[in-house]
Protein backbone atom coordinates (compact mmCIF):
# COMPACT_ATOMS: atom_id res chain seq x y z
CA MET A 1 77.80 -65.69 -59.15
CA ASN A 2 75.64 -64.94 -62.50
CA LYS A 3 74.94 -60.80 -63.02
CA GLN A 4 71.29 -61.80 -64.14
CA ILE A 5 70.70 -63.60 -60.96
CA ILE A 6 71.22 -60.17 -58.79
CA LEU A 7 69.98 -57.78 -61.85
CA ASP A 8 66.36 -60.56 -61.62
CA LYS A 9 66.64 -59.50 -56.98
CA ILE A 10 66.66 -55.42 -57.98
CA LYS A 11 63.40 -52.97 -58.37
CA ILE A 12 65.03 -50.74 -60.97
CA HIS A 13 63.65 -47.63 -61.11
CA HIS A 14 64.50 -45.68 -64.44
CA PRO A 15 66.07 -47.15 -67.23
CA ASP A 16 69.40 -45.24 -66.73
CA GLN A 17 70.18 -47.48 -63.69
CA LEU A 18 70.62 -50.37 -65.53
CA ASP A 19 73.42 -50.10 -66.98
CA LYS A 20 75.70 -48.08 -63.76
CA LEU A 21 74.24 -51.52 -61.74
CA LYS A 22 75.58 -54.02 -64.24
CA ARG A 23 79.32 -52.23 -63.86
CA VAL A 24 78.89 -52.61 -60.30
CA ILE A 25 78.38 -55.85 -60.33
CA ASP A 26 81.27 -56.80 -63.26
CA LEU A 27 83.04 -54.61 -60.44
CA CYS A 28 82.39 -57.20 -58.03
CA ILE A 29 82.77 -60.17 -59.93
CA GLN A 30 86.15 -58.97 -61.09
CA THR A 31 87.44 -58.00 -57.18
CA LYS A 32 86.80 -61.79 -56.65
CA LYS A 33 88.64 -63.32 -59.22
CA SER A 34 91.93 -60.94 -58.82
CA TYR A 35 91.58 -60.20 -55.43
CA GLU A 36 92.66 -56.74 -55.92
CA VAL A 37 90.74 -53.52 -55.44
CA GLY A 38 88.05 -52.25 -57.24
CA LYS A 39 87.21 -48.64 -57.43
CA THR A 40 84.40 -47.14 -59.32
CA HIS A 41 84.02 -43.29 -60.26
CA PHE A 42 81.82 -41.52 -58.27
CA LEU A 43 78.42 -43.37 -57.70
CA THR A 44 74.57 -41.38 -57.59
CA PRO A 45 72.98 -41.91 -54.45
CA ASP A 46 70.14 -43.90 -56.09
CA ILE A 47 73.20 -46.71 -57.25
CA LEU A 48 73.98 -46.15 -53.93
CA ASP A 49 71.14 -47.73 -52.46
CA TYR A 50 71.37 -50.74 -54.57
CA VAL A 51 74.87 -51.35 -52.99
CA PRO A 52 74.30 -52.76 -50.02
CA LEU A 53 72.17 -55.55 -52.24
CA ILE A 54 74.63 -56.22 -54.11
CA LEU A 55 76.92 -56.95 -52.20
CA SER A 56 75.41 -58.84 -49.98
CA HIS A 57 75.83 -62.25 -53.02
CA PHE A 58 79.58 -61.57 -52.29
CA GLU A 59 79.99 -63.28 -48.95
CA ASP A 60 84.24 -62.73 -49.57
CA LEU A 61 84.11 -59.23 -50.49
CA SER A 62 83.97 -56.05 -48.15
CA TYR A 63 83.03 -52.55 -49.55
CA THR A 64 83.84 -49.07 -48.39
CA LEU A 65 82.05 -45.95 -49.85
CA GLU A 66 84.48 -43.16 -49.67
CA GLY A 67 82.85 -38.95 -50.32
CA GLY A 68 84.95 -36.87 -48.61
CA TYR A 69 83.15 -36.45 -45.43
CA ALA A 70 79.78 -37.81 -43.79
CA PHE A 71 77.16 -36.47 -45.28
CA SER A 72 78.54 -36.79 -49.00
CA GLU A 73 75.77 -37.24 -51.43
CA TYR A 74 78.24 -38.82 -54.21
CA GLN A 75 80.08 -41.07 -53.34
CA ARG A 76 82.96 -43.52 -54.90
CA LEU A 77 82.62 -47.43 -54.01
CA LEU A 78 85.78 -49.45 -53.63
CA VAL A 79 85.15 -53.14 -53.38
CA TYR A 80 87.80 -55.31 -51.86
CA PRO A 81 88.57 -58.88 -50.48
CA ASP A 82 87.52 -59.41 -47.09
CA PHE A 83 90.72 -60.25 -45.93
CA MET A 84 92.16 -56.82 -46.69
CA SER A 85 92.49 -54.43 -43.50
CA GLU A 86 93.64 -50.66 -45.19
CA ILE A 87 92.56 -49.49 -48.11
CA SER A 88 94.53 -46.36 -49.05
CA PRO A 89 91.98 -43.20 -49.65
CA SER A 90 91.29 -42.59 -53.15
CA VAL A 91 89.49 -39.28 -53.23
CA SER A 92 90.92 -36.27 -53.04
CA LEU A 93 89.85 -32.84 -51.94
CA LEU A 94 90.77 -29.34 -54.19
CA GLU A 95 90.48 -25.76 -52.35
CA ILE A 96 89.09 -23.31 -54.79
CA THR A 97 89.77 -19.90 -53.98
CA TYR A 98 89.26 -16.29 -55.26
CA PRO A 99 88.79 -12.70 -54.78
CA VAL A 100 85.08 -12.38 -53.67
CA LYS A 101 85.13 -8.53 -55.24
CA TYR A 102 85.51 -9.69 -58.83
CA GLY A 103 82.29 -12.14 -58.29
CA GLU A 104 80.57 -14.51 -56.95
CA ILE A 105 80.68 -18.10 -58.40
CA GLY A 106 78.08 -21.26 -57.62
CA HIS A 107 77.87 -24.65 -58.20
CA ARG A 108 77.11 -24.76 -61.72
CA ASP A 109 79.87 -22.45 -62.79
CA VAL A 110 82.57 -24.79 -60.73
CA LEU A 111 80.74 -27.77 -62.52
CA GLY A 112 80.15 -26.56 -66.37
CA SER A 113 84.12 -25.37 -65.79
CA LEU A 114 85.39 -28.34 -64.83
CA ILE A 115 83.64 -30.08 -67.18
CA GLY A 116 84.97 -27.92 -70.01
CA LEU A 117 88.67 -29.28 -68.56
CA GLY A 118 87.67 -32.50 -70.25
CA ILE A 119 86.35 -34.29 -68.04
CA LYS A 120 83.35 -35.92 -67.22
CA ARG A 121 80.52 -35.38 -64.32
CA ASP A 122 81.16 -38.82 -62.76
CA VAL A 123 84.85 -38.26 -61.39
CA ILE A 124 83.67 -35.15 -59.34
CA GLY A 125 82.01 -35.72 -56.57
CA ASP A 126 79.85 -33.09 -54.27
CA ILE A 127 80.92 -29.39 -54.71
CA LEU A 128 81.16 -27.67 -51.41
CA VAL A 129 80.51 -23.16 -52.15
CA GLU A 130 81.35 -20.53 -49.64
CA PRO A 131 81.83 -16.93 -50.65
CA GLY A 132 85.52 -16.62 -51.56
CA LYS A 133 85.95 -20.16 -51.45
CA VAL A 134 84.98 -23.34 -53.15
CA GLN A 135 85.34 -27.27 -52.21
CA VAL A 136 85.34 -29.91 -54.54
CA LEU A 137 85.87 -33.24 -53.97
CA VAL A 138 87.31 -35.57 -57.25
CA LEU A 139 89.19 -39.05 -58.02
CA GLU A 140 92.64 -38.88 -56.81
CA GLU A 141 93.79 -39.38 -60.23
CA ILE A 142 92.86 -36.15 -61.47
CA ALA A 143 93.33 -34.22 -58.89
CA GLN A 144 97.09 -32.56 -60.21
CA TYR A 145 95.55 -32.29 -63.36
CA VAL A 146 92.30 -30.01 -62.16
CA CYS A 147 95.21 -28.18 -60.27
CA ASP A 148 97.57 -27.39 -63.80
CA GLN A 149 94.38 -26.98 -65.90
CA LEU A 150 91.65 -25.03 -64.25
CA MET A 151 92.86 -21.62 -64.23
CA LYS A 152 89.16 -19.35 -64.41
CA VAL A 153 85.08 -20.50 -63.58
CA GLY A 154 83.51 -18.29 -65.99
CA ARG A 155 85.19 -14.96 -66.00
CA VAL A 156 86.46 -15.01 -62.72
CA ALA A 157 90.70 -15.98 -62.09
CA VAL A 158 91.20 -18.64 -59.25
CA SER A 159 93.51 -20.69 -57.65
CA VAL A 160 93.22 -23.88 -57.63
CA THR A 161 95.33 -26.34 -54.26
CA ILE A 162 95.15 -29.82 -53.10
CA GLY A 163 93.74 -29.73 -49.63
CA GLU A 164 93.72 -31.55 -46.44
CA LEU A 165 90.81 -33.92 -46.23
CA LYS A 166 90.56 -33.24 -42.69
CA ALA A 167 89.36 -29.78 -43.75
CA ILE A 168 86.14 -30.86 -44.05
CA GLU A 169 85.20 -34.29 -42.03
CA ASP A 170 83.22 -31.80 -40.30
CA TYR A 171 80.89 -30.00 -42.46
CA THR A 172 77.46 -30.35 -42.97
CA PRO A 173 75.02 -28.68 -45.61
CA LEU A 174 73.49 -25.54 -45.20
CA TYR A 175 69.71 -24.85 -45.50
CA ASP A 176 66.39 -22.97 -43.75
CA LEU A 177 63.71 -24.26 -42.16
CA ILE A 178 59.97 -22.88 -43.32
CA GLU A 179 57.17 -23.20 -42.35
CA VAL A 180 54.93 -23.77 -45.21
CA THR A 181 50.61 -25.37 -45.15
CA VAL A 182 49.32 -26.92 -48.07
CA LYS A 183 45.99 -28.67 -49.13
CA SER A 184 47.23 -32.33 -49.13
CA ASN A 185 51.22 -34.10 -49.07
CA ARG A 186 50.82 -34.31 -52.93
CA LEU A 187 54.34 -34.11 -54.97
CA ASP A 188 53.31 -31.30 -56.85
CA SER A 189 51.60 -28.82 -53.75
CA ILE A 190 54.73 -29.54 -52.00
CA ILE A 191 57.04 -28.54 -54.21
CA ALA A 192 54.79 -25.70 -55.28
CA ARG A 193 55.18 -24.47 -51.25
CA GLY A 194 58.80 -25.15 -51.17
CA PHE A 195 59.79 -23.37 -54.09
CA ASN A 196 57.20 -21.12 -54.69
CA ILE A 197 56.50 -21.74 -58.17
CA SER A 198 52.60 -22.46 -59.21
CA ARG A 199 51.27 -25.78 -58.92
CA ALA A 200 50.84 -25.99 -62.65
CA LYS A 201 54.63 -24.92 -62.85
CA ALA A 202 55.52 -27.62 -60.47
CA ALA A 203 53.35 -30.15 -62.25
CA GLU A 204 55.26 -29.55 -65.62
CA LEU A 205 58.88 -30.33 -63.71
CA ILE A 206 56.99 -34.02 -62.24
CA LYS A 207 56.48 -34.78 -65.62
CA ARG A 208 59.82 -33.93 -67.70
CA GLU A 209 61.11 -36.05 -65.32
CA LEU A 210 62.81 -33.29 -63.32
CA VAL A 211 62.59 -34.00 -59.83
CA LYS A 212 63.52 -36.79 -58.01
CA VAL A 213 62.16 -37.75 -54.79
CA ASN A 214 64.23 -39.96 -52.13
CA HIS A 215 67.21 -40.29 -55.16
CA ASN A 216 65.24 -41.43 -57.43
CA PHE A 217 62.95 -39.80 -60.84
CA CYS A 218 59.42 -39.48 -60.32
CA ASN A 219 56.53 -38.85 -62.57
CA GLN A 220 53.71 -39.06 -60.00
CA VAL A 221 52.11 -35.74 -59.91
CA SER A 222 49.73 -36.72 -57.24
CA LYS A 223 52.19 -38.90 -55.62
CA GLU A 224 51.97 -38.47 -51.47
CA LEU A 225 55.06 -37.33 -49.75
CA ASN A 226 55.61 -38.82 -46.36
CA GLU A 227 57.72 -37.30 -43.57
CA ASP A 228 61.93 -37.17 -44.13
CA ALA A 229 61.31 -37.79 -48.02
CA LEU A 230 63.88 -35.86 -50.03
CA ILE A 231 63.01 -33.87 -52.74
CA SER A 232 65.01 -32.37 -55.75
CA VAL A 233 64.33 -30.57 -58.55
CA ARG A 234 66.53 -29.90 -61.89
CA GLY A 235 67.26 -25.56 -61.34
CA TYR A 236 65.12 -25.41 -57.92
CA GLY A 237 67.60 -26.98 -55.82
CA ARG A 238 66.35 -29.40 -52.49
CA MET A 239 64.73 -30.00 -49.85
CA SER A 240 63.77 -32.72 -47.35
CA ILE A 241 60.50 -32.77 -44.98
CA GLU A 242 60.88 -32.22 -41.51
CA GLY A 243 57.69 -32.60 -40.23
CA PHE A 244 54.04 -32.94 -40.50
CA ASN A 245 52.44 -30.10 -37.49
CA GLY A 246 48.92 -31.03 -37.42
CA LEU A 247 45.97 -28.78 -38.90
CA THR A 248 45.16 -24.83 -39.85
CA LYS A 249 41.35 -24.19 -39.08
CA LYS A 250 41.03 -23.86 -42.78
CA ASP A 251 42.22 -27.96 -42.43
CA ARG A 252 45.34 -27.20 -44.49
CA ARG A 253 48.42 -29.17 -43.83
CA LYS A 254 51.14 -27.60 -41.20
CA LEU A 255 54.40 -28.55 -42.31
CA THR A 256 57.97 -27.61 -42.07
CA ILE A 257 60.63 -28.71 -44.68
CA LYS A 258 64.75 -27.96 -44.65
CA LYS A 259 65.37 -26.34 -47.88
CA TYR A 260 69.11 -26.31 -48.52
CA ILE A 261 70.67 -23.75 -49.51
């Protein structure tokens, strides 16, 4: 299979995606030749969206996506010959515990401490935070290393153990539902209302390419959003549009936003 033929059929939304997609295609080509299981590191949602299209060009290959639980954002791609029926799990769950009385640690704290161990972002999957405990999905290959090396997150002493994936199989992301009104369903307007910032600030974030819509970077301030659109803003969080609920007496649009905690 010619790699360029596949790439020519893919609409790339951002230049950063090209090298990642090439690596996925190369993995498929190598797996087809070797008849062995091929594994990526964790892929981001925008790259995961291309996986079905890429694999459709390899009729004798099957694939599995592993993120640890049903709603995982980051997932590892396993590619293998279609005659293989049992593929061993390749993602591990780390459970980080700490005494809350010494302070709470957040997503950014944990990610920074893990990268501080000398490992790259793409060997780390989702990070699930709750008071006193953080659950982190990592590549199976580095799980023991993290357990042995991670002693503190920030200034807080932590204990790290390898847990069972079944502990999070029913996990669903936490969120708040908020009702807002907007003049239009433009991206800048909805970001401003959802994150309680000015439209000027929202426009600045969009122009700086700090905003993703449905996992792809978007620099169009006036982009019109539809129901179910997922918006993420670096430094602010994620939210999705759950529904448009008609108009107010002043002709402003009413909508429900799911804001992830």
